[in-house]
Amino acid sequence: MTEWAALLRKARRDIGLSRPALAESAGVSAQTVKAYELGFRRPSRALLASLLDVLEVDRRLRNEILVGAGFAPDGERLGPHNPDYMYTVDEARALIAGLPWPSHVTSELMEVVAANRVAQRLWGVDLEHELLGPVERNLATFATNPRFADRVTNWDALVAVAIGVLKGHHRGAVPLPETATAYFAAVIERVFDGNPRYVRRLLDLWDRVPPRTAKIRWFYDVHWADRVAGEMRFRVSVAVADEPGGLMFHDWIPVDAETLTRLEAVMRGCGTEDAADAGPAQ
């Protein structure tokens, strides 16, 4: 099996979409999809693009599949043309690994594709062994999961930022539940599996929050309550890591000395969530 075909099949499976459902949405037969996924046939660019549109993969993966199948990627590379101007996922992961503050990298669909040790320690997660799929890694699913939502004391303000970004996305606003694409249908299903109290608040915000205009660099605030160390306040700086691939850096910068002291306590093991008490990821 060729690599692009394996990536295509994995993208479908990651969101729990059947071959017949993908085929119907893309206007091809299920046997045709099977032949593509097994590498027995090579689609035209138009057909492959139709499948990728249905799967709604992020631009990085979309371009990897298109190039692997022998087609030009979507869009033109912005900025200087030296090949290492933008960050790959591995390069971005290596960069944030050495930072003393929490930092993570997201895709354009708000999936966490990398997070440094400080962020994972603060969140009480181990991304090597949990939250492995794209739906589980989507920040929207964190919003109604008490494991994370209960720690955010400015929950409404933070979720309003995320909703504004999704509604104002330049490739089109994220659809409402009744018209969701396959990917976001899977995300919304996971969101609705969360705590009903948070689900109701999220839906209310969705009706009221206006779209947010994209900027190359922007900020949002996170107020995080550690059960042992106490409340910490961060100003999160968001900056482009790879524009064609839709990758963004999120650096959680402590806004005061008290937050810095408490974060250091977390890293020494004098704070943090009790993993057993926090329960498994939802």
C-alpha atoms as a PDB file:
ATOM      1  CA  MET A   1       0.000   0.000   0.000  1.00  0.00           C
ATOM      2  CA  THR A   2       1.329   3.434  -0.928  1.00  0.00           C
ATOM      3  CA  GLU A   3       1.770   5.982   1.868  1.00  0.00           C
ATOM      4  CA  TRP A   4      -0.798   8.471   0.589  1.00  0.00           C
ATOM      5  CA  ALA A   5      -3.409   5.707   0.365  1.00  0.00           C
ATOM      6  CA  ALA A   6      -2.685   4.603   3.931  1.00  0.00           C
ATOM      7  CA  LEU A   7      -3.039   8.207   5.117  1.00  0.00           C
ATOM      8  CA  LEU A   8      -6.361   8.504   3.279  1.00  0.00           C
ATOM      9  CA  ARG A   9      -7.705   5.368   4.941  1.00  0.00           C
ATOM     10  CA  LYS A  10      -6.456   6.470   8.364  1.00  0.00           C
ATOM     11  CA  ALA A  11      -8.105   9.889   7.990  1.00  0.00           C
ATOM     12  CA  ARG A  12     -11.449   8.198   7.337  1.00  0.00           C
ATOM     13  CA  ARG A  13     -11.082   5.766  10.222  1.00  0.00           C
ATOM     14  CA  ASP A  14      -9.959   8.485  12.644  1.00  0.00           C
ATOM     15  CA  ILE A  15     -13.382  10.130  12.474  1.00  0.00           C
ATOM     16  CA  GLY A  16     -15.330   6.864  12.425  1.00  0.00           C
ATOM     17  CA  LEU A  17     -16.669   7.316   8.889  1.00  0.00           C
ATOM     18  CA  SER A  18     -17.543   4.212   6.876  1.00  0.00           C
ATOM     19  CA  ARG A  19     -16.400   3.687   3.296  1.00  0.00           C
ATOM     20  CA  PRO A  20     -20.003   3.749   1.989  1.00  0.00           C
ATOM     21  CA  ALA A  21     -20.685   7.032   3.809  1.00  0.00           C
ATOM     22  CA  LEU A  22     -17.526   8.626   2.434  1.00  0.00           C
ATOM     23  CA  ALA A  23     -18.288   7.327  -1.043  1.00  0.00           C
ATOM     24  CA  GLU A  24     -21.841   8.656  -0.998  1.00  0.00           C
ATOM     25  CA  SER A  25     -20.759  12.112   0.166  1.00  0.00           C
ATOM     26  CA  ALA A  26     -17.988  12.293  -2.456  1.00  0.00           C
ATOM     27  CA  GLY A  27     -20.156  10.966  -5.283  1.00  0.00           C
ATOM     28  CA  VAL A  28     -18.213   7.754  -5.978  1.00  0.00           C
ATOM     29  CA  SER A  29     -18.781   4.073  -5.260  1.00  0.00           C
ATOM     30  CA  ALA A  30     -17.627   2.341  -2.095  1.00  0.00           C
ATOM     31  CA  GLN A  31     -15.542  -0.013  -4.248  1.00  0.00           C
ATOM     32  CA  THR A  32     -13.777   2.966  -5.759  1.00  0.00           C
ATOM     33  CA  VAL A  33     -12.926   4.319  -2.312  1.00  0.00           C
ATOM     34  CA  LYS A  34     -11.641   0.876  -1.306  1.00  0.00           C
ATOM     35  CA  ALA A  35      -9.435   0.717  -4.405  1.00  0.00           C
ATOM     36  CA  TYR A  36      -7.965   4.135  -3.603  1.00  0.00           C
ATOM     37  CA  GLU A  37      -7.360   3.295   0.063  1.00  0.00           C
ATOM     38  CA  LEU A  38      -5.593   0.055  -0.817  1.00  0.00           C
ATOM     39  CA  GLY A  39      -3.481   1.753  -3.467  1.00  0.00           C
ATOM     40  CA  PHE A  40      -4.922  -0.336  -6.297  1.00  0.00           C
ATOM     41  CA  ARG A  41      -6.084   2.726  -8.203  1.00  0.00           C
ATOM     42  CA  ARG A  42      -4.930   6.335  -8.376  1.00  0.00           C
ATOM     43  CA  PRO A  43      -7.718   8.922  -8.395  1.00  0.00           C
ATOM     44  CA  SER A  44      -7.817  12.077 -10.421  1.00  0.00           C
ATOM     45  CA  ARG A  45      -6.928  15.192  -8.507  1.00  0.00           C
ATOM     46  CA  ALA A  46     -10.569  16.299  -8.564  1.00  0.00           C
ATOM     47  CA  LEU A  47     -11.804  13.023  -7.091  1.00  0.00           C
ATOM     48  CA  LEU A  48      -9.100  12.938  -4.449  1.00  0.00           C
ATOM     49  CA  ALA A  49      -9.885  16.542  -3.525  1.00  0.00           C
ATOM     50  CA  SER A  50     -13.565  15.598  -3.180  1.00  0.00           C
ATOM     51  CA  LEU A  51     -12.683  12.823  -0.738  1.00  0.00           C
ATOM     52  CA  LEU A  52     -10.444  15.160   1.252  1.00  0.00           C
ATOM     53  CA  ASP A  53     -13.189  17.790   1.317  1.00  0.00           C
ATOM     54  CA  VAL A  54     -15.564  15.280   2.886  1.00  0.00           C
ATOM     55  CA  LEU A  55     -12.966  14.122   5.405  1.00  0.00           C
ATOM     56  CA  GLU A  56     -12.119  17.771   6.155  1.00  0.00           C
ATOM     57  CA  VAL A  57      -8.511  16.988   7.041  1.00  0.00           C
ATOM     58  CA  ASP A  58      -6.252  19.882   7.948  1.00  0.00           C
ATOM     59  CA  ARG A  59      -4.136  21.479   5.228  1.00  0.00           C
ATOM     60  CA  ARG A  60      -0.913  19.802   6.336  1.00  0.00           C
ATOM     61  CA  LEU A  61      -2.353  16.312   5.923  1.00  0.00           C
ATOM     62  CA  ARG A  62      -4.332  17.326   2.841  1.00  0.00           C
ATOM     63  CA  ASN A  63      -1.178  18.503   1.092  1.00  0.00           C
ATOM     64  CA  GLU A  64       0.767  15.416   2.213  1.00  0.00           C
ATOM     65  CA  ILE A  65      -1.842  13.161   0.596  1.00  0.00           C
ATOM     66  CA  LEU A  66      -2.078  15.269  -2.567  1.00  0.00           C
ATOM     67  CA  VAL A  67       1.709  15.374  -3.034  1.00  0.00           C
ATOM     68  CA  GLY A  68       2.013  11.670  -2.221  1.00  0.00           C
ATOM     69  CA  ALA A  69      -0.520  10.891  -4.937  1.00  0.00           C
ATOM     70  CA  GLY A  70       1.496  12.933  -7.435  1.00  0.00           C
ATOM     71  CA  PHE A  71      -0.438  16.208  -7.394  1.00  0.00           C
ATOM     72  CA  ALA A  72       0.516  19.773  -6.538  1.00  0.00           C
ATOM     73  CA  PRO A  73      -0.422  20.916  -3.017  1.00  0.00           C
ATOM     74  CA  ASP A  74      -3.261  23.358  -2.454  1.00  0.00           C
ATOM     75  CA  GLY A  75      -2.206  26.988  -2.315  1.00  0.00           C
ATOM     76  CA  GLU A  76       1.173  28.609  -2.625  1.00  0.00           C
ATOM     77  CA  ARG A  77       3.827  28.766   0.061  1.00  0.00           C
ATOM     78  CA  LEU A  78       3.830  32.192   1.654  1.00  0.00           C
ATOM     79  CA  GLY A  79       6.857  34.167   2.714  1.00  0.00           C
ATOM     80  CA  PRO A  80      10.469  33.414   1.746  1.00  0.00           C
ATOM     81  CA  HIS A  81      11.016  30.387  -0.433  1.00  0.00           C
ATOM     82  CA  ASN A  82      13.799  28.780   1.586  1.00  0.00           C
ATOM     83  CA  PRO A  83      12.498  25.280   2.357  1.00  0.00           C
ATOM     84  CA  ASP A  84      12.908  25.538   6.141  1.00  0.00           C
ATOM     85  CA  TYR A  85      11.108  28.884   6.595  1.00  0.00           C
ATOM     86  CA  MET A  86       8.037  27.194   8.090  1.00  0.00           C
ATOM     87  CA  TYR A  87       8.060  24.614  10.858  1.00  0.00           C
ATOM     88  CA  THR A  88       7.251  20.952  10.364  1.00  0.00           C
ATOM     89  CA  VAL A  89       5.365  19.244  13.195  1.00  0.00           C
ATOM     90  CA  ASP A  90       8.589  17.606  14.397  1.00  0.00           C
ATOM     91  CA  GLU A  91      10.463  20.919  14.330  1.00  0.00           C
ATOM     92  CA  ALA A  92       7.672  22.680  16.201  1.00  0.00           C
ATOM     93  CA  ARG A  93       7.575  19.890  18.782  1.00  0.00           C
ATOM     94  CA  ALA A  94      11.351  20.144  19.285  1.00  0.00           C
ATOM     95  CA  LEU A  95      11.155  23.928  19.670  1.00  0.00           C
ATOM     96  CA  ILE A  96       8.472  23.966  22.362  1.00  0.00           C
ATOM     97  CA  ALA A  97      10.092  21.069  24.247  1.00  0.00           C
ATOM     98  CA  GLY A  98      12.760  23.387  25.670  1.00  0.00           C
ATOM     99  CA  LEU A  99      10.435  26.208  26.731  1.00  0.00           C
ATOM    100  CA  PRO A 100       9.983  26.872  30.469  1.00  0.00           C
ATOM    101  CA  TRP A 101       6.280  27.744  30.101  1.00  0.00           C
ATOM    102  CA  PRO A 102       3.350  25.640  28.840  1.00  0.00           C
ATOM    103  CA  SER A 103       3.262  25.547  25.059  1.00  0.00           C
ATOM    104  CA  HIS A 104       1.350  23.576  22.473  1.00  0.00           C
ATOM    105  CA  VAL A 105       0.833  23.466  18.709  1.00  0.00           C
ATOM    106  CA  THR A 106      -2.561  23.205  17.037  1.00  0.00           C
ATOM    107  CA  SER A 107      -3.787  22.454  13.545  1.00  0.00           C
ATOM    108  CA  GLU A 108      -6.236  24.765  11.776  1.00  0.00           C
ATOM    109  CA  LEU A 109      -9.049  22.542  13.093  1.00  0.00           C
ATOM    110  CA  MET A 110      -7.974  23.235  16.704  1.00  0.00           C
ATOM    111  CA  GLU A 111      -6.400  19.806  17.219  1.00  0.00           C
ATOM    112  CA  VAL A 112      -3.460  19.647  19.619  1.00  0.00           C
ATOM    113  CA  VAL A 113      -0.704  18.107  17.494  1.00  0.00           C
ATOM    114  CA  ALA A 114       2.070  18.671  20.068  1.00  0.00           C
ATOM    115  CA  ALA A 115       2.388  19.877  23.661  1.00  0.00           C
ATOM    116  CA  ASN A 116       5.511  20.278  25.758  1.00  0.00           C
ATOM    117  CA  ARG A 117       6.167  18.629  29.109  1.00  0.00           C
ATOM    118  CA  VAL A 118       5.168  21.732  31.069  1.00  0.00           C
ATOM    119  CA  ALA A 119       1.761  21.917  29.356  1.00  0.00           C
ATOM    120  CA  GLN A 120       1.081  18.210  29.796  1.00  0.00           C
ATOM    121  CA  ARG A 121       2.072  18.370  33.460  1.00  0.00           C
ATOM    122  CA  LEU A 122      -0.206  21.356  34.034  1.00  0.00           C
ATOM    123  CA  TRP A 123      -3.114  19.689  32.198  1.00  0.00           C
ATOM    124  CA  GLY A 124      -2.547  16.350  33.930  1.00  0.00           C
ATOM    125  CA  VAL A 125      -2.243  14.353  30.691  1.00  0.00           C
ATOM    126  CA  ASP A 126       0.241  12.096  28.925  1.00  0.00           C
ATOM    127  CA  LEU A 127      -0.250  12.552  25.201  1.00  0.00           C
ATOM    128  CA  GLU A 128       1.974   9.594  24.430  1.00  0.00           C
ATOM    129  CA  HIS A 129      -0.623   7.255  25.914  1.00  0.00           C
ATOM    130  CA  GLU A 130      -3.997   9.030  25.882  1.00  0.00           C
ATOM    131  CA  LEU A 131      -6.088  11.365  23.741  1.00  0.00           C
ATOM    132  CA  LEU A 132      -4.499   9.789  20.687  1.00  0.00           C
ATOM    133  CA  GLY A 133      -7.096  10.473  17.976  1.00  0.00           C
ATOM    134  CA  PRO A 134      -7.813  13.775  16.191  1.00  0.00           C
ATOM    135  CA  VAL A 135     -11.309  14.067  17.650  1.00  0.00           C
ATOM    136  CA  GLU A 136     -10.001  13.479  21.189  1.00  0.00           C
ATOM    137  CA  ARG A 137      -7.251  16.067  20.582  1.00  0.00           C
ATOM    138  CA  ASN A 138      -9.671  18.750  19.360  1.00  0.00           C
ATOM    139  CA  LEU A 139      -9.838  21.610  21.860  1.00  0.00           C
ATOM    140  CA  ALA A 140     -13.607  21.776  21.406  1.00  0.00           C
ATOM    141  CA  THR A 141     -13.906  18.382  23.112  1.00  0.00           C
ATOM    142  CA  PHE A 142     -11.886  19.696  26.065  1.00  0.00           C
ATOM    143  CA  ALA A 143     -14.517  22.398  26.612  1.00  0.00           C
ATOM    144  CA  THR A 144     -17.200  20.037  27.966  1.00  0.00           C
ATOM    145  CA  ASN A 145     -14.889  17.505  29.624  1.00  0.00           C
ATOM    146  CA  PRO A 146     -14.842  18.287  33.384  1.00  0.00           C
ATOM    147  CA  ARG A 147     -11.292  16.950  33.591  1.00  0.00           C
ATOM    148  CA  PHE A 148     -10.204  20.154  31.855  1.00  0.00           C
ATOM    149  CA  ALA A 149     -13.226  22.473  31.987  1.00  0.00           C
ATOM    150  CA  ASP A 150     -13.393  22.388  35.790  1.00  0.00           C
ATOM    151  CA  ARG A 151      -9.866  23.804  35.924  1.00  0.00           C
ATOM    152  CA  VAL A 152     -10.614  26.853  33.746  1.00  0.00           C
ATOM    153  CA  THR A 153     -12.035  29.650  35.892  1.00  0.00           C
ATOM    154  CA  ASN A 154     -12.579  31.960  32.895  1.00  0.00           C
ATOM    155  CA  TRP A 155     -14.333  29.202  30.942  1.00  0.00           C
ATOM    156  CA  ASP A 156     -16.925  31.392  29.216  1.00  0.00           C
ATOM    157  CA  ALA A 157     -14.366  33.928  27.996  1.00  0.00           C
ATOM    158  CA  LEU A 158     -11.997  31.216  26.767  1.00  0.00           C
ATOM    159  CA  VAL A 159     -14.671  29.195  24.968  1.00  0.00           C
ATOM    160  CA  ALA A 160     -16.027  32.387  23.403  1.00  0.00           C
ATOM    161  CA  VAL A 161     -12.592  32.947  21.823  1.00  0.00           C
ATOM    162  CA  ALA A 162     -12.583  29.420  20.372  1.00  0.00           C
ATOM    163  CA  ILE A 163     -16.121  29.795  19.023  1.00  0.00           C
ATOM    164  CA  GLY A 164     -15.253  33.122  17.405  1.00  0.00           C
ATOM    165  CA  VAL A 165     -12.233  31.556  15.690  1.00  0.00           C
ATOM    166  CA  LEU A 166     -14.284  28.618  14.399  1.00  0.00           C
ATOM    167  CA  LYS A 167     -17.138  30.816  13.180  1.00  0.00           C
ATOM    168  CA  GLY A 168     -14.740  33.231  11.480  1.00  0.00           C
ATOM    169  CA  HIS A 169     -12.482  30.671   9.791  1.00  0.00           C
ATOM    170  CA  HIS A 170     -11.441  31.840   6.333  1.00  0.00           C
ATOM    171  CA  ARG A 171     -12.272  28.463   4.774  1.00  0.00           C
ATOM    172  CA  GLY A 172     -15.809  28.701   6.068  1.00  0.00           C
ATOM    173  CA  ALA A 173     -17.431  28.687   9.486  1.00  0.00           C
ATOM    174  CA  VAL A 174     -17.756  25.408  11.342  1.00  0.00           C
ATOM    175  CA  PRO A 175     -21.309  24.204  10.615  1.00  0.00           C
ATOM    176  CA  LEU A 176     -24.046  23.832  13.182  1.00  0.00           C
ATOM    177  CA  PRO A 177     -24.725  20.306  14.501  1.00  0.00           C
ATOM    178  CA  GLU A 178     -27.570  19.621  12.084  1.00  0.00           C
ATOM    179  CA  THR A 179     -25.396  20.416   9.040  1.00  0.00           C
ATOM    180  CA  ALA A 180     -21.971  19.316  10.291  1.00  0.00           C
ATOM    181  CA  THR A 181     -19.450  17.668   8.019  1.00  0.00           C
ATOM    182  CA  ALA A 182     -18.199  14.186   8.912  1.00  0.00           C
ATOM    183  CA  TYR A 183     -15.208  15.434  10.883  1.00  0.00           C
ATOM    184  CA  PHE A 184     -17.066  18.018  12.903  1.00  0.00           C
ATOM    185  CA  ALA A 185     -19.987  15.661  13.384  1.00  0.00           C
ATOM    186  CA  ALA A 186     -17.560  13.387  15.221  1.00  0.00           C
ATOM    187  CA  VAL A 187     -16.226  16.345  17.240  1.00  0.00           C
ATOM    188  CA  ILE A 188     -19.728  17.572  18.099  1.00  0.00           C
ATOM    189  CA  GLU A 189     -20.762  14.076  19.166  1.00  0.00           C
ATOM    190  CA  ARG A 190     -17.809  14.000  21.574  1.00  0.00           C
ATOM    191  CA  VAL A 191     -18.651  17.517  22.811  1.00  0.00           C
ATOM    192  CA  PHE A 192     -22.245  16.460  23.510  1.00  0.00           C
ATOM    193  CA  ASP A 193     -20.950  13.448  25.453  1.00  0.00           C
ATOM    194  CA  GLY A 194     -19.420  15.897  27.927  1.00  0.00           C
ATOM    195  CA  ASN A 195     -20.932  17.395  31.059  1.00  0.00           C
ATOM    196  CA  PRO A 196     -24.457  18.699  30.222  1.00  0.00           C
ATOM    197  CA  ARG A 197     -23.813  21.867  32.227  1.00  0.00           C
ATOM    198  CA  TYR A 198     -20.922  22.785  29.938  1.00  0.00           C
ATOM    199  CA  VAL A 199     -22.783  21.663  26.822  1.00  0.00           C
ATOM    200  CA  ARG A 200     -25.658  24.061  27.579  1.00  0.00           C
ATOM    201  CA  ARG A 201     -23.261  26.944  28.205  1.00  0.00           C
ATOM    202  CA  LEU A 202     -21.353  26.200  24.987  1.00  0.00           C
ATOM    203  CA  LEU A 203     -24.541  26.172  22.876  1.00  0.00           C
ATOM    204  CA  ASP A 204     -25.664  29.440  24.431  1.00  0.00           C
ATOM    205  CA  LEU A 205     -22.307  31.026  23.621  1.00  0.00           C
ATOM    206  CA  TRP A 206     -22.443  29.676  20.072  1.00  0.00           C
ATOM    207  CA  ASP A 207     -25.625  31.660  19.466  1.00  0.00           C
ATOM    208  CA  ARG A 208     -24.190  34.884  20.893  1.00  0.00           C
ATOM    209  CA  VAL A 209     -20.495  35.040  19.955  1.00  0.00           C
ATOM    210  CA  PRO A 210     -19.670  36.805  16.658  1.00  0.00           C
ATOM    211  CA  PRO A 211     -17.001  35.535  14.222  1.00  0.00           C
ATOM    212  CA  ARG A 212     -13.408  36.494  15.005  1.00  0.00           C
ATOM    213  CA  THR A 213     -11.240  37.962  12.231  1.00  0.00           C
ATOM    214  CA  ALA A 214      -8.017  36.024  11.759  1.00  0.00           C
ATOM    215  CA  LYS A 215      -4.690  37.717  12.511  1.00  0.00           C
ATOM    216  CA  ILE A 216      -1.177  36.378  12.060  1.00  0.00           C
ATOM    217  CA  ARG A 217      -0.555  36.843  15.792  1.00  0.00           C
ATOM    218  CA  TRP A 218      -3.113  37.214  18.574  1.00  0.00           C
ATOM    219  CA  PHE A 219      -3.698  36.568  22.281  1.00  0.00           C
ATOM    220  CA  TYR A 220      -6.186  35.064  24.707  1.00  0.00           C
ATOM    221  CA  ASP A 221      -6.248  34.581  28.477  1.00  0.00           C
ATOM    222  CA  VAL A 222      -6.367  31.331  30.456  1.00  0.00           C
ATOM    223  CA  HIS A 223      -7.058  31.252  34.201  1.00  0.00           C
ATOM    224  CA  TRP A 224      -6.154  27.747  35.355  1.00  0.00           C
ATOM    225  CA  ALA A 225      -6.943  26.388  38.838  1.00  0.00           C
ATOM    226  CA  ASP A 226      -4.584  23.654  39.991  1.00  0.00           C
ATOM    227  CA  ARG A 227      -6.067  21.662  42.853  1.00  0.00           C
ATOM    228  CA  VAL A 228      -2.882  21.895  44.881  1.00  0.00           C
ATOM    229  CA  ALA A 229      -0.874  24.860  43.601  1.00  0.00           C
ATOM    230  CA  GLY A 230      -3.833  27.225  43.187  1.00  0.00           C
ATOM    231  CA  GLU A 231      -4.973  29.530  40.419  1.00  0.00           C
ATOM    232  CA  MET A 232      -2.578  30.593  37.681  1.00  0.00           C
ATOM    233  CA  ARG A 233      -3.080  33.284  35.055  1.00  0.00           C
ATOM    234  CA  PHE A 234      -1.600  33.042  31.587  1.00  0.00           C
ATOM    235  CA  ARG A 235      -1.585  35.326  28.555  1.00  0.00           C
ATOM    236  CA  VAL A 236      -1.442  32.945  25.596  1.00  0.00           C
ATOM    237  CA  SER A 237       0.437  34.201  22.534  1.00  0.00           C
ATOM    238  CA  VAL A 238      -0.677  32.579  19.271  1.00  0.00           C
ATOM    239  CA  ALA A 239       1.638  32.743  16.254  1.00  0.00           C
ATOM    240  CA  VAL A 240       1.993  30.975  12.904  1.00  0.00           C
ATOM    241  CA  ALA A 241       4.230  27.909  12.773  1.00  0.00           C
ATOM    242  CA  ASP A 242       3.316  26.813   9.242  1.00  0.00           C
ATOM    243  CA  GLU A 243       0.832  28.901   7.277  1.00  0.00           C
ATOM    244  CA  PRO A 244       0.307  26.458   4.363  1.00  0.00           C
ATOM    245  CA  GLY A 245      -0.094  23.610   6.857  1.00  0.00           C
ATOM    246  CA  GLY A 246      -2.257  25.597   9.265  1.00  0.00           C
ATOM    247  CA  LEU A 247      -0.032  25.030  12.327  1.00  0.00           C
ATOM    248  CA  MET A 248      -0.062  27.553  15.190  1.00  0.00           C
ATOM    249  CA  PHE A 249       2.086  27.971  18.315  1.00  0.00           C
ATOM    250  CA  HIS A 250       0.261  28.675  21.617  1.00  0.00           C
ATOM    251  CA  ASP A 251       2.661  29.920  24.310  1.00  0.00           C
ATOM    252  CA  TRP A 252       1.165  30.213  27.814  1.00  0.00           C
ATOM    253  CA  ILE A 253       3.115  33.123  29.331  1.00  0.00           C
ATOM    254  CA  PRO A 254       2.669  33.624  33.111  1.00  0.00           C
ATOM    255  CA  VAL A 255       1.324  37.132  33.720  1.00  0.00           C
ATOM    256  CA  ASP A 256       2.574  37.564  37.289  1.00  0.00           C
ATOM    257  CA  ALA A 257       5.200  36.321  39.720  1.00  0.00           C
ATOM    258  CA  GLU A 258       2.647  34.325  41.681  1.00  0.00           C
ATOM    259  CA  THR A 259       1.715  32.311  38.607  1.00  0.00           C
ATOM    260  CA  LEU A 260       5.367  31.670  37.827  1.00  0.00           C
ATOM    261  CA  THR A 261       5.992  30.461  41.388  1.00  0.00           C
ATOM    262  CA  ARG A 262       2.977  28.159  41.293  1.00  0.00           C
ATOM    263  CA  LEU A 263       3.942  26.798  37.881  1.00  0.00           C
ATOM    264  CA  GLU A 264       7.409  25.980  39.203  1.00  0.00           C
ATOM    265  CA  ALA A 265       5.741  24.156  42.106  1.00  0.00           C
ATOM    266  CA  VAL A 266       3.718  22.103  39.635  1.00  0.00           C
ATOM    267  CA  MET A 267       6.874  21.124  37.773  1.00  0.00           C
ATOM    268  CA  ARG A 268       8.549  20.101  41.044  1.00  0.00           C
ATOM    269  CA  GLY A 269       5.595  17.853  41.794  1.00  0.00           C
ATOM    270  CA  CYS A 270       4.277  20.109  44.569  1.00  0.00           C
ATOM    271  CA  GLY A 271       1.075  20.755  42.659  1.00  0.00           C
ATOM    272  CA  THR A 272      -0.711  19.253  39.646  1.00  0.00           C
ATOM    273  CA  GLU A 273      -3.907  17.309  39.327  1.00  0.00           C
ATOM    274  CA  ASP A 274      -4.175  13.939  40.970  1.00  0.00           C
ATOM    275  CA  ALA A 275      -4.471  11.721  37.885  1.00  0.00           C
ATOM    276  CA  ALA A 276      -6.458   9.070  39.737  1.00  0.00           C
ATOM    277  CA  ASP A 277      -8.838  11.689  41.125  1.00  0.00           C
ATOM    278  CA  ALA A 278      -9.175  13.444  37.800  1.00  0.00           C
ATOM    279  CA  GLY A 279     -10.355  10.260  36.092  1.00  0.00           C
ATOM    280  CA  PRO A 280      -9.829   9.081  32.525  1.00  0.00           C
ATOM    281  CA  ALA A 281     -10.118  11.306  29.499  1.00  0.00           C
ATOM    282  CA  GLN A 282     -13.601  11.439  28.039  1.00  0.00           C
END
